Structure formats: C-alpha cells, structure tokens
Full PDB file with SEQRES, HELIX, SHEET, SSBOND, CRYST1, ORIGX, SCALE, CONECT and MASTER records, all heavy atoms in Angstrom:
SEQRES   1 A   45  PRO ALA CYS ILE GLU HIS ALA HIS TYR ARG HIS VAL GLN          
SEQRES   2 A   45  ASP ASP LEU SER GLY ASN GLY ASP GLU THR LEU LYS SER          
SEQRES   3 A   45  LEU GLU LYS LEU ARG VAL TYR GLY LEU VAL HIS ALA ALA          
SEQRES   4 A   45  GLY VAL LEU ARG VAL GLY                                      
HELIX    1 AA1 ASP A   21  LEU A   27  1                                   7    
CRYST1    1.000    1.000    1.000  90.00  90.00  90.00 P 1           1          
ORIGX1      1.000000  0.000000  0.000000        0.00000                         
ORIGX2      0.000000  1.000000  0.000000        0.00000                         
ORIGX3      0.000000  0.000000  1.000000        0.00000                         
SCALE1      1.000000  0.000000  0.000000        0.00000                         
SCALE2      0.000000  1.000000  0.000000        0.00000                         
SCALE3      0.000000  0.000000  1.000000        0.00000                         
ATOM      1  N   PRO A   1      70.718  98.118  93.962  1.00  0.00           N  
ATOM      2  CA  PRO A   1      70.059  96.788  93.947  1.00  0.00           C  
ATOM      3  C   PRO A   1      70.815  95.840  94.895  1.00  0.00           C  
ATOM      4  O   PRO A   1      71.911  96.071  95.244  1.00  0.00           O  
ATOM      5  CB  PRO A   1      70.094  96.348  92.489  1.00  0.00           C  
ATOM      6  CG  PRO A   1      70.277  97.594  91.758  1.00  0.00           C  
ATOM      7  CD  PRO A   1      71.126  98.471  92.598  1.00  0.00           C  
ATOM      8  N   ALA A   2      70.163  94.708  95.201  1.00  0.00           N  
ATOM      9  CA  ALA A   2      70.753  93.691  96.040  1.00  0.00           C  
ATOM     10  C   ALA A   2      72.030  93.079  95.413  1.00  0.00           C  
ATOM     11  O   ALA A   2      72.054  92.835  94.210  1.00  0.00           O  
ATOM     12  CB  ALA A   2      69.741  92.569  96.361  1.00  0.00           C  
ATOM     13  N   CYS A   3      72.989  92.797  96.312  1.00  0.00           N  
ATOM     14  CA  CYS A   3      74.222  92.092  95.818  1.00  0.00           C  
ATOM     15  C   CYS A   3      74.333  90.702  96.462  1.00  0.00           C  
ATOM     16  O   CYS A   3      75.310  90.058  96.289  1.00  0.00           O  
ATOM     17  CB  CYS A   3      75.426  92.943  96.131  1.00  0.00           C  
ATOM     18  SG  CYS A   3      75.604  94.439  95.206  1.00  0.00           S  
ATOM     19  N   ILE A   4      73.266  90.362  97.235  1.00  0.00           N  
ATOM     20  CA  ILE A   4      73.254  89.089  97.945  1.00  0.00           C  
ATOM     21  C   ILE A   4      72.108  88.248  97.541  1.00  0.00           C  
ATOM     22  O   ILE A   4      70.985  88.716  97.399  1.00  0.00           O  
ATOM     23  CB  ILE A   4      73.230  89.327  99.477  1.00  0.00           C  
ATOM     24  CG1 ILE A   4      74.433  90.085  99.966  1.00  0.00           C  
ATOM     25  CG2 ILE A   4      73.076  88.023 100.219  1.00  0.00           C  
ATOM     26  CD1 ILE A   4      74.375  90.435 101.455  1.00  0.00           C  
ATOM     27  N   GLU A   5      72.406  86.974  97.269  1.00  0.00           N  
ATOM     28  CA  GLU A   5      71.303  86.021  97.002  1.00  0.00           C  
ATOM     29  C   GLU A   5      71.368  84.973  98.148  1.00  0.00           C  
ATOM     30  O   GLU A   5      72.343  84.235  98.176  1.00  0.00           O  
ATOM     31  CB  GLU A   5      71.453  85.371  95.681  1.00  0.00           C  
ATOM     32  CG  GLU A   5      71.184  86.342  94.490  1.00  0.00           C  
ATOM     33  CD  GLU A   5      71.159  85.621  93.136  1.00  0.00           C  
ATOM     34  OE1 GLU A   5      71.199  84.347  93.149  1.00  0.00           O  
ATOM     35  OE2 GLU A   5      71.158  86.326  92.105  1.00  0.00           O  
ATOM     36  N   HIS A   6      70.354  84.921  98.987  1.00  0.00           N  
ATOM     37  CA  HIS A   6      70.375  83.977 100.117  1.00  0.00           C  
ATOM     38  C   HIS A   6      68.933  83.790 100.563  1.00  0.00           C  
ATOM     39  O   HIS A   6      68.114  84.718 100.528  1.00  0.00           O  
ATOM     40  CB  HIS A   6      71.231  84.588 101.211  1.00  0.00           C  
ATOM     41  CG  HIS A   6      71.577  83.593 102.333  1.00  0.00           C  
ATOM     42  ND1 HIS A   6      70.662  83.249 103.252  1.00  0.00           N  
ATOM     43  CD2 HIS A   6      72.722  82.934 102.609  1.00  0.00           C  
ATOM     44  CE1 HIS A   6      71.248  82.368 104.097  1.00  0.00           C  
ATOM     45  NE2 HIS A   6      72.499  82.204 103.735  1.00  0.00           N  
ATOM     46  N   ALA A   7      68.661  82.589 100.990  1.00  0.00           N  
ATOM     47  CA  ALA A   7      67.292  82.272 101.413  1.00  0.00           C  
ATOM     48  C   ALA A   7      66.777  83.128 102.595  1.00  0.00           C  
ATOM     49  O   ALA A   7      65.639  83.386 102.782  1.00  0.00           O  
ATOM     50  CB  ALA A   7      67.200  80.801 101.815  1.00  0.00           C  
ATOM     51  N   HIS A   8      67.736  83.598 103.424  1.00  0.00           N  
ATOM     52  CA  HIS A   8      67.361  84.379 104.613  1.00  0.00           C  
ATOM     53  C   HIS A   8      67.631  85.883 104.419  1.00  0.00           C  
ATOM     54  O   HIS A   8      67.704  86.622 105.398  1.00  0.00           O  
ATOM     55  CB  HIS A   8      68.083  83.910 105.861  1.00  0.00           C  
ATOM     56  CG  HIS A   8      67.563  82.631 106.397  1.00  0.00           C  
ATOM     57  ND1 HIS A   8      68.098  81.969 107.492  1.00  0.00           N  
ATOM     58  CD2 HIS A   8      66.475  81.933 106.037  1.00  0.00           C  
ATOM     59  CE1 HIS A   8      67.402  80.872 107.718  1.00  0.00           C  
ATOM     60  NE2 HIS A   8      66.381  80.861 106.899  1.00  0.00           N  
ATOM     61  N   TYR A   9      67.780  86.266 103.153  1.00  0.00           N  
ATOM     62  CA  TYR A   9      68.005  87.694 102.861  1.00  0.00           C  
ATOM     63  C   TYR A   9      66.912  88.272 102.033  1.00  0.00           C  
ATOM     64  O   TYR A   9      66.489  87.722 101.060  1.00  0.00           O  
ATOM     65  CB  TYR A   9      69.373  87.867 102.103  1.00  0.00           C  
ATOM     66  CG  TYR A   9      69.709  89.325 101.797  1.00  0.00           C  
ATOM     67  CD1 TYR A   9      70.260  90.113 102.769  1.00  0.00           C  
ATOM     68  CD2 TYR A   9      69.415  89.905 100.568  1.00  0.00           C  
ATOM     69  CE1 TYR A   9      70.594  91.466 102.491  1.00  0.00           C  
ATOM     70  CE2 TYR A   9      69.734  91.202 100.298  1.00  0.00           C  
ATOM     71  CZ  TYR A   9      70.318  92.006 101.282  1.00  0.00           C  
ATOM     72  OH  TYR A   9      70.569  93.313 101.036  1.00  0.00           O  
ATOM     73  N   ARG A  10      66.453  89.470 102.477  1.00  0.00           N  
ATOM     74  CA  ARG A  10      65.536  90.210 101.674  1.00  0.00           C  
ATOM     75  C   ARG A  10      66.033  91.656 101.528  1.00  0.00           C  
ATOM     76  O   ARG A  10      66.779  92.099 102.435  1.00  0.00           O  
ATOM     77  CB  ARG A  10      64.103  90.244 102.305  1.00  0.00           C  
ATOM     78  CG  ARG A  10      64.021  90.957 103.648  1.00  0.00           C  
ATOM     79  CD  ARG A  10      62.672  90.664 104.348  1.00  0.00           C  
ATOM     80  NE  ARG A  10      61.571  91.221 103.566  1.00  0.00           N  
ATOM     81  CZ  ARG A  10      61.125  92.485 103.780  1.00  0.00           C  
ATOM     82  NH1 ARG A  10      61.666  93.228 104.742  1.00  0.00           N  
ATOM     83  NH2 ARG A  10      60.104  92.912 103.100  1.00  0.00           N  
ATOM     84  N   HIS A  11      65.716  92.311 100.413  1.00  0.00           N  
ATOM     85  CA  HIS A  11      66.343  93.557 100.118  1.00  0.00           C  
ATOM     86  C   HIS A  11      65.271  94.643  99.862  1.00  0.00           C  
ATOM     87  O   HIS A  11      64.223  94.417  99.322  1.00  0.00           O  
ATOM     88  CB  HIS A  11      67.159  93.439  98.831  1.00  0.00           C  
ATOM     89  CG  HIS A  11      68.041  94.630  98.573  1.00  0.00           C  
ATOM     90  ND1 HIS A  11      69.243  94.871  99.229  1.00  0.00           N  
ATOM     91  CD2 HIS A  11      67.902  95.672  97.695  1.00  0.00           C  
ATOM     92  CE1 HIS A  11      69.801  95.925  98.828  1.00  0.00           C  
ATOM     93  NE2 HIS A  11      68.997  96.503  97.880  1.00  0.00           N  
ATOM     94  N   VAL A  12      65.535  95.811 100.458  1.00  0.00           N  
ATOM     95  CA  VAL A  12      64.669  96.988 100.278  1.00  0.00           C  
ATOM     96  C   VAL A  12      65.521  98.041  99.567  1.00  0.00           C  
ATOM     97  O   VAL A  12      66.541  98.512 100.135  1.00  0.00           O  
ATOM     98  CB  VAL A  12      64.160  97.533 101.591  1.00  0.00           C  
ATOM     99  CG1 VAL A  12      63.304  98.783 101.337  1.00  0.00           C  
ATOM    100  CG2 VAL A  12      63.371  96.488 102.378  1.00  0.00           C  
ATOM    101  N   GLN A  13      65.131  98.372  98.323  1.00  0.00           N  
ATOM    102  CA  GLN A  13      65.945  99.350  97.578  1.00  0.00           C  
ATOM    103  C   GLN A  13      65.223 100.714  97.884  1.00  0.00           C  
ATOM    104  O   GLN A  13      64.152 101.034  97.484  1.00  0.00           O  
ATOM    105  CB  GLN A  13      65.915  99.081  96.097  1.00  0.00           C  
ATOM    106  CG  GLN A  13      66.849  99.966  95.298  1.00  0.00           C  
ATOM    107  CD  GLN A  13      67.057  99.515  93.855  1.00  0.00           C  
ATOM    108  OE1 GLN A  13      66.584  98.403  93.509  1.00  0.00           O  
ATOM    109  NE2 GLN A  13      67.697 100.308  93.076  1.00  0.00           N  
ATOM    110  N   ASP A  14      65.959 101.518  98.637  1.00  0.00           N  
ATOM    111  CA  ASP A  14      65.417 102.810  99.018  1.00  0.00           C  
ATOM    112  C   ASP A  14      66.536 103.853  99.291  1.00  0.00           C  
ATOM    113  O   ASP A  14      67.655 103.438  99.680  1.00  0.00           O  
ATOM    114  CB  ASP A  14      64.641 102.645 100.351  1.00  0.00           C  
ATOM    115  CG  ASP A  14      63.794 103.846 100.707  1.00  0.00           C  
ATOM    116  OD1 ASP A  14      63.526 104.712  99.798  1.00  0.00           O  
ATOM    117  OD2 ASP A  14      63.348 103.925 101.875  1.00  0.00           O  
ATOM    118  N   ASP A  15      66.275 105.049  98.996  1.00  0.00           N  
ATOM    119  CA  ASP A  15      67.236 106.139  99.217  1.00  0.00           C  
ATOM    120  C   ASP A  15      66.986 106.704 100.602  1.00  0.00           C  
ATOM    121  O   ASP A  15      66.044 107.435 100.835  1.00  0.00           O  
ATOM    122  CB  ASP A  15      67.062 107.233  98.128  1.00  0.00           C  
ATOM    123  CG  ASP A  15      68.093 108.321  98.253  1.00  0.00           C  
ATOM    124  OD1 ASP A  15      68.896 108.282  99.189  1.00  0.00           O  
ATOM    125  OD2 ASP A  15      68.100 109.225  97.392  1.00  0.00           O  
ATOM    126  N   LEU A  16      67.912 106.438 101.530  1.00  0.00           N  
ATOM    127  CA  LEU A  16      67.785 106.884 102.929  1.00  0.00           C  
ATOM    128  C   LEU A  16      68.035 108.417 103.125  1.00  0.00           C  
ATOM    129  O   LEU A  16      67.852 108.907 104.193  1.00  0.00           O  
ATOM    130  CB  LEU A  16      68.684 106.090 103.821  1.00  0.00           C  
ATOM    131  CG  LEU A  16      68.283 104.631 104.021  1.00  0.00           C  
ATOM    132  CD1 LEU A  16      69.296 103.926 104.910  1.00  0.00           C  
ATOM    133  CD2 LEU A  16      66.878 104.550 104.656  1.00  0.00           C  
ATOM    134  N   SER A  17      68.423 109.026 102.006  1.00  0.00           N  
ATOM    135  CA  SER A  17      68.516 110.493 102.146  1.00  0.00           C  
ATOM    136  C   SER A  17      67.171 111.173 101.944  1.00  0.00           C  
ATOM    137  O   SER A  17      67.059 112.382 102.146  1.00  0.00           O  
ATOM    138  CB  SER A  17      69.523 111.047 101.099  1.00  0.00           C  
ATOM    139  OG  SER A  17      68.975 110.901  99.776  1.00  0.00           O  
ATOM    140  N   GLY A  18      66.171 110.346 101.653  1.00  0.00           N  
ATOM    141  CA  GLY A  18      64.806 110.921 101.516  1.00  0.00           C  
ATOM    142  C   GLY A  18      64.012 110.681 102.798  1.00  0.00           C  
ATOM    143  O   GLY A  18      64.624 110.662 103.912  1.00  0.00           O  
ATOM    144  N   ASN A  19      62.731 110.423 102.659  1.00  0.00           N  
ATOM    145  CA  ASN A  19      61.885 110.255 103.891  1.00  0.00           C  
ATOM    146  C   ASN A  19      61.833 108.848 104.403  1.00  0.00           C  
ATOM    147  O   ASN A  19      61.324 108.621 105.477  1.00  0.00           O  
ATOM    148  CB  ASN A  19      60.463 110.768 103.579  1.00  0.00           C  
ATOM    149  CG  ASN A  19      59.846 110.110 102.378  1.00  0.00           C  
ATOM    150  OD1 ASN A  19      60.147 108.967 102.014  1.00  0.00           O  
ATOM    151  ND2 ASN A  19      58.932 110.767 101.731  1.00  0.00           N  
ATOM    152  N   GLY A  20      62.403 107.880 103.626  1.00  0.00           N  
ATOM    153  CA  GLY A  20      62.514 106.478 104.090  1.00  0.00           C  
ATOM    154  C   GLY A  20      61.202 105.762 104.159  1.00  0.00           C  
ATOM    155  O   GLY A  20      61.094 104.739 104.843  1.00  0.00           O  
ATOM    156  N   ASP A  21      60.170 106.279 103.482  1.00  0.00           N  
ATOM    157  CA  ASP A  21      58.821 105.674 103.520  1.00  0.00           C  
ATOM    158  C   ASP A  21      58.833 104.181 103.161  1.00  0.00           C  
ATOM    159  O   ASP A  21      58.232 103.364 103.789  1.00  0.00           O  
ATOM    160  CB  ASP A  21      57.836 106.426 102.673  1.00  0.00           C  
ATOM    161  CG  ASP A  21      57.411 107.731 103.241  1.00  0.00           C  
ATOM    162  OD1 ASP A  21      57.702 107.925 104.473  1.00  0.00           O  
ATOM    163  OD2 ASP A  21      56.772 108.530 102.552  1.00  0.00           O  
ATOM    164  N   GLU A  22      59.648 103.896 102.063  1.00  0.00           N  
ATOM    165  CA  GLU A  22      59.672 102.512 101.578  1.00  0.00           C  
ATOM    166  C   GLU A  22      60.251 101.594 102.609  1.00  0.00           C  
ATOM    167  O   GLU A  22      59.819 100.480 102.841  1.00  0.00           O  
ATOM    168  CB  GLU A  22      60.481 102.493 100.262  1.00  0.00           C  
ATOM    169  CG  GLU A  22      60.190 101.367  99.320  1.00  0.00           C  
ATOM    170  CD  GLU A  22      58.765 101.296  98.906  1.00  0.00           C  
ATOM    171  OE1 GLU A  22      58.144 102.302  98.622  1.00  0.00           O  
ATOM    172  OE2 GLU A  22      58.276 100.157  98.825  1.00  0.00           O  
ATOM    173  N   THR A  23      61.335 102.126 103.269  1.00  0.00           N  
ATOM    174  CA  THR A  23      61.962 101.281 104.297  1.00  0.00           C  
ATOM    175  C   THR A  23      61.098 101.062 105.498  1.00  0.00           C  
ATOM    176  O   THR A  23      60.942  99.902 105.947  1.00  0.00           O  
ATOM    177  CB  THR A  23      63.281 101.983 104.780  1.00  0.00           C  
ATOM    178  OG1 THR A  23      64.166 102.137 103.644  1.00  0.00           O  
ATOM    179  CG2 THR A  23      63.998 101.130 105.881  1.00  0.00           C  
ATOM    180  N   LEU A  24      60.471 102.113 106.032  1.00  0.00           N  
ATOM    181  CA  LEU A  24      59.580 101.964 107.179  1.00  0.00           C  
ATOM    182  C   LEU A  24      58.385 101.053 106.906  1.00  0.00           C  
ATOM    183  O   LEU A  24      57.970 100.249 107.731  1.00  0.00           O  
ATOM    184  CB  LEU A  24      59.107 103.332 107.612  1.00  0.00           C  
ATOM    185  CG  LEU A  24      60.149 104.293 108.151  1.00  0.00           C  
ATOM    186  CD1 LEU A  24      59.591 105.656 108.506  1.00  0.00           C  
ATOM    187  CD2 LEU A  24      60.820 103.696 109.441  1.00  0.00           C  
ATOM    188  N   LYS A  25      57.879 101.167 105.682  1.00  0.00           N  
ATOM    189  CA  LYS A  25      56.701 100.301 105.290  1.00  0.00           C  
ATOM    190  C   LYS A  25      57.104  98.848 105.325  1.00  0.00           C  
ATOM    191  O   LYS A  25      56.370  97.961 105.709  1.00  0.00           O  
ATOM    192  CB  LYS A  25      56.204 100.746 103.937  1.00  0.00           C  
ATOM    193  CG  LYS A  25      54.983  99.987 103.489  1.00  0.00           C  
ATOM    194  CD  LYS A  25      54.520 100.441 102.109  1.00  0.00           C  
ATOM    195  CE  LYS A  25      53.289  99.665 101.618  1.00  0.00           C  
ATOM    196  NZ  LYS A  25      52.840 100.127 100.268  1.00  0.00           N  
ATOM    197  N   SER A  26      58.356  98.571 104.785  1.00  0.00           N  
ATOM    198  CA  SER A  26      58.770  97.183 104.701  1.00  0.00           C  
ATOM    199  C   SER A  26      59.157  96.591 106.066  1.00  0.00           C  
ATOM    200  O   SER A  26      59.197  95.353 106.188  1.00  0.00           O  
ATOM    201  CB  SER A  26      60.000  97.096 103.781  1.00  0.00           C  
ATOM    202  OG  SER A  26      61.139  97.721 104.462  1.00  0.00           O  
ATOM    203  N   LEU A  27      59.359  97.440 107.064  1.00  0.00           N  
ATOM    204  CA  LEU A  27      59.754  96.980 108.393  1.00  0.00           C  
ATOM    205  C   LEU A  27      58.568  96.839 109.338  1.00  0.00           C  
ATOM    206  O   LEU A  27      58.708  96.334 110.448  1.00  0.00           O  
ATOM    207  CB  LEU A  27      60.819  97.894 108.978  1.00  0.00           C  
ATOM    208  CG  LEU A  27      62.104  97.968 108.266  1.00  0.00           C  
ATOM    209  CD1 LEU A  27      63.029  99.003 108.998  1.00  0.00           C  
ATOM    210  CD2 LEU A  27      62.798  96.682 108.074  1.00  0.00           C  
ATOM    211  N   GLU A  28      57.423  97.325 108.892  1.00  0.00           N  
ATOM    212  CA  GLU A  28      56.237  97.448 109.796  1.00  0.00           C  
ATOM    213  C   GLU A  28      55.865  96.096 110.431  1.00  0.00           C  
ATOM    214  O   GLU A  28      55.597  96.044 111.663  1.00  0.00           O  
ATOM    215  CB  GLU A  28      55.016  97.916 108.993  1.00  0.00           C  
ATOM    216  CG  GLU A  28      55.023  99.444 108.822  1.00  0.00           C  
ATOM    217  CD  GLU A  28      53.817  99.913 108.065  1.00  0.00           C  
ATOM    218  OE1 GLU A  28      53.028  99.079 107.539  1.00  0.00           O  
ATOM    219  OE2 GLU A  28      53.601 101.157 107.987  1.00  0.00           O  
ATOM    220  N   LYS A  29      55.896  95.007 109.658  1.00  0.00           N  
ATOM    221  CA  LYS A  29      55.413  93.726 110.216  1.00  0.00           C  
ATOM    222  C   LYS A  29      56.562  92.752 110.567  1.00  0.00           C  
ATOM    223  O   LYS A  29      56.315  91.593 110.883  1.00  0.00           O  
ATOM    224  CB  LYS A  29      54.547  93.055 109.198  1.00  0.00           C  
ATOM    225  CG  LYS A  29      53.266  93.908 108.917  1.00  0.00           C  
ATOM    226  CD  LYS A  29      52.373  93.241 107.924  1.00  0.00           C  
ATOM    227  CE  LYS A  29      51.111  94.069 107.662  1.00  0.00           C  
ATOM    228  NZ  LYS A  29      50.190  93.441 106.670  1.00  0.00           N  
ATOM    229  N   LEU A  30      57.789  93.286 110.583  1.00  0.00           N  
ATOM    230  CA  LEU A  30      58.959  92.431 110.923  1.00  0.00           C  
ATOM    231  C   LEU A  30      59.220  92.465 112.447  1.00  0.00           C  
ATOM    232  O   LEU A  30      59.051  93.473 113.033  1.00  0.00           O  
ATOM    233  CB  LEU A  30      60.218  92.886 110.170  1.00  0.00           C  
ATOM    234  CG  LEU A  30      60.203  92.728 108.622  1.00  0.00           C  
ATOM    235  CD1 LEU A  30      61.515  93.218 108.063  1.00  0.00           C  
ATOM    236  CD2 LEU A  30      59.930  91.236 108.236  1.00  0.00           C  
ATOM    237  N   ARG A  31      59.631  91.397 112.960  1.00  0.00           N  
ATOM    238  CA  ARG A  31      60.071  91.308 114.323  1.00  0.00           C  
ATOM    239  C   ARG A  31      61.637  91.462 114.246  1.00  0.00           C  
ATOM    240  O   ARG A  31      62.344  90.544 113.913  1.00  0.00           O  
ATOM    241  CB  ARG A  31      59.711  90.039 114.986  1.00  0.00           C  
ATOM    242  CG  ARG A  31      58.230  89.867 115.237  1.00  0.00           C  
ATOM    243  CD  ARG A  31      57.878  88.552 115.805  1.00  0.00           C  
ATOM    244  NE  ARG A  31      58.576  88.377 117.100  1.00  0.00           N  
ATOM    245  CZ  ARG A  31      58.460  87.190 117.768  1.00  0.00           C  
ATOM    246  NH1 ARG A  31      57.830  86.142 117.295  1.00  0.00           N  
ATOM    247  NH2 ARG A  31      59.092  87.108 118.979  1.00  0.00           N  
ATOM    248  N   VAL A  32      62.119  92.613 114.551  1.00  0.00           N  
ATOM    249  CA  VAL A  32      63.537  92.909 114.338  1.00  0.00           C  
ATOM    250  C   VAL A  32      64.314  92.838 115.644  1.00  0.00           C  
ATOM    251  O   VAL A  32      63.945  93.455 116.653  1.00  0.00           O  
ATOM    252  CB  VAL A  32      63.725  94.349 113.763  1.00  0.00           C  
ATOM    253  CG1 VAL A  32      65.195  94.719 113.616  1.00  0.00           C  
ATOM    254  CG2 VAL A  32      63.069  94.438 112.366  1.00  0.00           C  
ATOM    255  N   TYR A  33      65.385  92.122 115.644  1.00  0.00           N  
ATOM    256  CA  TYR A  33      66.298  91.983 116.767  1.00  0.00           C  
ATOM    257  C   TYR A  33      67.395  93.008 116.814  1.00  0.00           C  
ATOM    258  O   TYR A  33      67.776  93.546 117.792  1.00  0.00           O  
ATOM    259  CB  TYR A  33      66.873  90.612 116.790  1.00  0.00           C  
ATOM    260  CG  TYR A  33      68.002  90.390 117.812  1.00  0.00           C  
ATOM    261  CD1 TYR A  33      67.697  90.333 119.210  1.00  0.00           C  
ATOM    262  CD2 TYR A  33      69.340  90.383 117.385  1.00  0.00           C  
ATOM    263  CE1 TYR A  33      68.730  90.160 120.108  1.00  0.00           C  
ATOM    264  CE2 TYR A  33      70.345  90.245 118.334  1.00  0.00           C  
ATOM    265  CZ  TYR A  33      70.068  90.099 119.684  1.00  0.00           C  
ATOM    266  OH  TYR A  33      71.066  89.968 120.606  1.00  0.00           O  
ATOM    267  N   GLY A  34      67.884  93.332 115.611  1.00  0.00           N  
ATOM    268  CA  GLY A  34      69.045  94.253 115.580  1.00  0.00           C  
ATOM    269  C   GLY A  34      69.022  95.223 114.361  1.00  0.00           C  
ATOM    270  O   GLY A  34      68.364  94.988 113.379  1.00  0.00           O  
ATOM    271  N   LEU A  35      69.802  96.263 114.483  1.00  0.00           N  
ATOM    272  CA  LEU A  35      69.948  97.288 113.471  1.00  0.00           C  
ATOM    273  C   LEU A  35      71.442  97.640 113.341  1.00  0.00           C  
ATOM    274  O   LEU A  35      72.077  97.886 114.354  1.00  0.00           O  
ATOM    275  CB  LEU A  35      69.177  98.543 113.782  1.00  0.00           C  
ATOM    276  CG  LEU A  35      69.560  99.823 113.020  1.00  0.00           C  
ATOM    277  CD1 LEU A  35      69.095  99.660 111.524  1.00  0.00           C  
ATOM    278  CD2 LEU A  35      68.882 101.053 113.595  1.00  0.00           C  
ATOM    279  N   VAL A  36      71.938  97.574 112.125  1.00  0.00           N  
ATOM    280  CA  VAL A  36      73.271  98.044 111.818  1.00  0.00           C  
ATOM    281  C   VAL A  36      73.151  99.102 110.757  1.00  0.00           C  
ATOM    282  O   VAL A  36      72.786  98.837 109.633  1.00  0.00           O  
ATOM    283  CB  VAL A  36      74.222  96.870 111.346  1.00  0.00           C  
ATOM    284  CG1 VAL A  36      75.609  97.463 111.019  1.00  0.00           C  
ATOM    285  CG2 VAL A  36      74.289  95.778 112.345  1.00  0.00           C  
ATOM    286  N   HIS A  37      73.420 100.325 111.163  1.00  0.00           N  
ATOM    287  CA  HIS A  37      73.342 101.475 110.228  1.00  0.00           C  
ATOM    288  C   HIS A  37      74.736 101.719 109.609  1.00  0.00           C  
ATOM    289  O   HIS A  37      75.548 102.436 110.225  1.00  0.00           O  
ATOM    290  CB  HIS A  37      72.791 102.701 110.915  1.00  0.00           C  
ATOM    291  CG  HIS A  37      72.589 103.861 110.004  1.00  0.00           C  
ATOM    292  ND1 HIS A  37      71.941 103.726 108.784  1.00  0.00           N  
ATOM    293  CD2 HIS A  37      72.961 105.158 110.106  1.00  0.00           C  
ATOM    294  CE1 HIS A  37      71.921 104.966 108.199  1.00  0.00           C  
ATOM    295  NE2 HIS A  37      72.547 105.819 108.986  1.00  0.00           N  
ATOM    296  N   ALA A  38      74.999 101.125 108.465  1.00  0.00           N  
ATOM    297  CA  ALA A  38      76.323 101.264 107.831  1.00  0.00           C  
ATOM    298  C   ALA A  38      76.262 102.134 106.570  1.00  0.00           C  
ATOM    299  O   ALA A  38      77.320 102.415 105.970  1.00  0.00           O  
ATOM    300  CB  ALA A  38      76.835  99.846 107.450  1.00  0.00           C  
ATOM    301  N   ALA A  39      75.098 102.565 106.187  1.00  0.00           N  
ATOM    302  CA  ALA A  39      74.999 103.428 105.008  1.00  0.00           C  
ATOM    303  C   ALA A  39      75.699 104.757 105.267  1.00  0.00           C  
ATOM    304  O   ALA A  39      75.627 105.311 106.374  1.00  0.00           O  
ATOM    305  CB  ALA A  39      73.496 103.707 104.679  1.00  0.00           C  
ATOM    306  N   GLY A  40      76.388 105.233 104.281  1.00  0.00           N  
ATOM    307  CA  GLY A  40      77.148 106.483 104.445  1.00  0.00           C  
ATOM    308  C   GLY A  40      77.691 106.983 103.140  1.00  0.00           C  
ATOM    309  O   GLY A  40      77.855 106.264 102.180  1.00  0.00           O  
ATOM    310  N   VAL A  41      78.033 108.269 103.181  1.00  0.00           N  
ATOM    311  CA  VAL A  41      78.648 108.914 102.011  1.00  0.00           C  
ATOM    312  C   VAL A  41      79.770 109.833 102.525  1.00  0.00           C  
ATOM    313  O   VAL A  41      79.692 110.241 103.707  1.00  0.00           O  
ATOM    314  CB  VAL A  41      77.647 109.693 101.146  1.00  0.00           C  
ATOM    315  CG1 VAL A  41      76.628 108.804 100.477  1.00  0.00           C  
ATOM    316  CG2 VAL A  41      76.942 110.766 101.984  1.00  0.00           C  
ATOM    317  N   LEU A  42      80.673 110.141 101.693  1.00  0.00           N  
ATOM    318  CA  LEU A  42      81.740 111.075 102.063  1.00  0.00           C  
ATOM    319  C   LEU A  42      81.858 112.178 100.970  1.00  0.00           C  
ATOM    320  O   LEU A  42      82.068 111.847  99.789  1.00  0.00           O  
ATOM    321  CB  LEU A  42      83.089 110.335 102.190  1.00  0.00           C  
ATOM    322  CG  LEU A  42      84.325 111.203 102.344  1.00  0.00           C  
ATOM    323  CD1 LEU A  42      84.241 112.093 103.622  1.00  0.00           C  
ATOM    324  CD2 LEU A  42      85.613 110.411 102.330  1.00  0.00           C  
ATOM    325  N   ARG A  43      81.761 113.417 101.419  1.00  0.00           N  
ATOM    326  CA  ARG A  43      82.003 114.532 100.529  1.00  0.00           C  
ATOM    327  C   ARG A  43      82.974 115.428 101.289  1.00  0.00           C  
ATOM    328  O   ARG A  43      82.796 115.628 102.487  1.00  0.00           O  
ATOM    329  CB  ARG A  43      80.721 115.319 100.241  1.00  0.00           C  
ATOM    330  CG  ARG A  43      79.636 114.461  99.625  1.00  0.00           C  
ATOM    331  CD  ARG A  43      79.972 114.129  98.136  1.00  0.00           C  
ATOM    332  NE  ARG A  43      78.867 113.400  97.509  1.00  0.00           N  
ATOM    333  CZ  ARG A  43      78.715 112.077  97.459  1.00  0.00           C  
ATOM    334  NH1 ARG A  43      79.627 111.329  98.026  1.00  0.00           N  
ATOM    335  NH2 ARG A  43      77.721 111.495  96.799  1.00  0.00           N  
ATOM    336  N   VAL A  44      83.961 115.932 100.532  1.00  0.00           N  
ATOM    337  CA  VAL A  44      85.018 116.709 101.167  1.00  0.00           C  
ATOM    338  C   VAL A  44      85.016 118.138 100.626  1.00  0.00           C  
ATOM    339  O   VAL A  44      84.543 118.388  99.490  1.00  0.00           O  
ATOM    340  CB  VAL A  44      86.429 116.068 101.013  1.00  0.00           C  
ATOM    341  CG1 VAL A  44      86.430 114.667 101.583  1.00  0.00           C  
ATOM    342  CG2 VAL A  44      86.795 116.061  99.470  1.00  0.00           C  
ATOM    343  N   GLY A  45      85.669 119.062 101.369  1.00  0.00           N  
ATOM    344  CA  GLY A  45      85.793 120.379 100.923  1.00  0.00           C  
ATOM    345  C   GLY A  45      86.243 121.299 102.015  1.00  0.00           C  
ATOM    346  O   GLY A  45      85.889 121.139 103.199  1.00  0.00           O  
TER     347      GLY A  45                                                      
MASTER        0    0    0    1    0    0    0    6  346    1    0    4          
END                                                                             
C-alpha cells in the first residue's frame, strides 16, 4: 500500500512480477514525463 500522502501523489498497488495489467491500465490516460524503475528483490544462493 501507499506510504505517501500528498496532493500530487497517486498510488497503484500492483505486483510487477505479474502481467502488470493494473499498472498499464492506470497509465493509459496519463501524460508521463519520466519513469524511475526502482522496484526490486534480492534472492541469494
């Protein structure tokens, strides 16, 4: 869930390890200037 409360912030709760349908749908009508892909996981072995 969102950890930020701000007038200029909107949150999409979606698991990017899946097909990302929720994310893509939410971005369809947005005019986006930038993308920062910081999502990540670490598994070792």
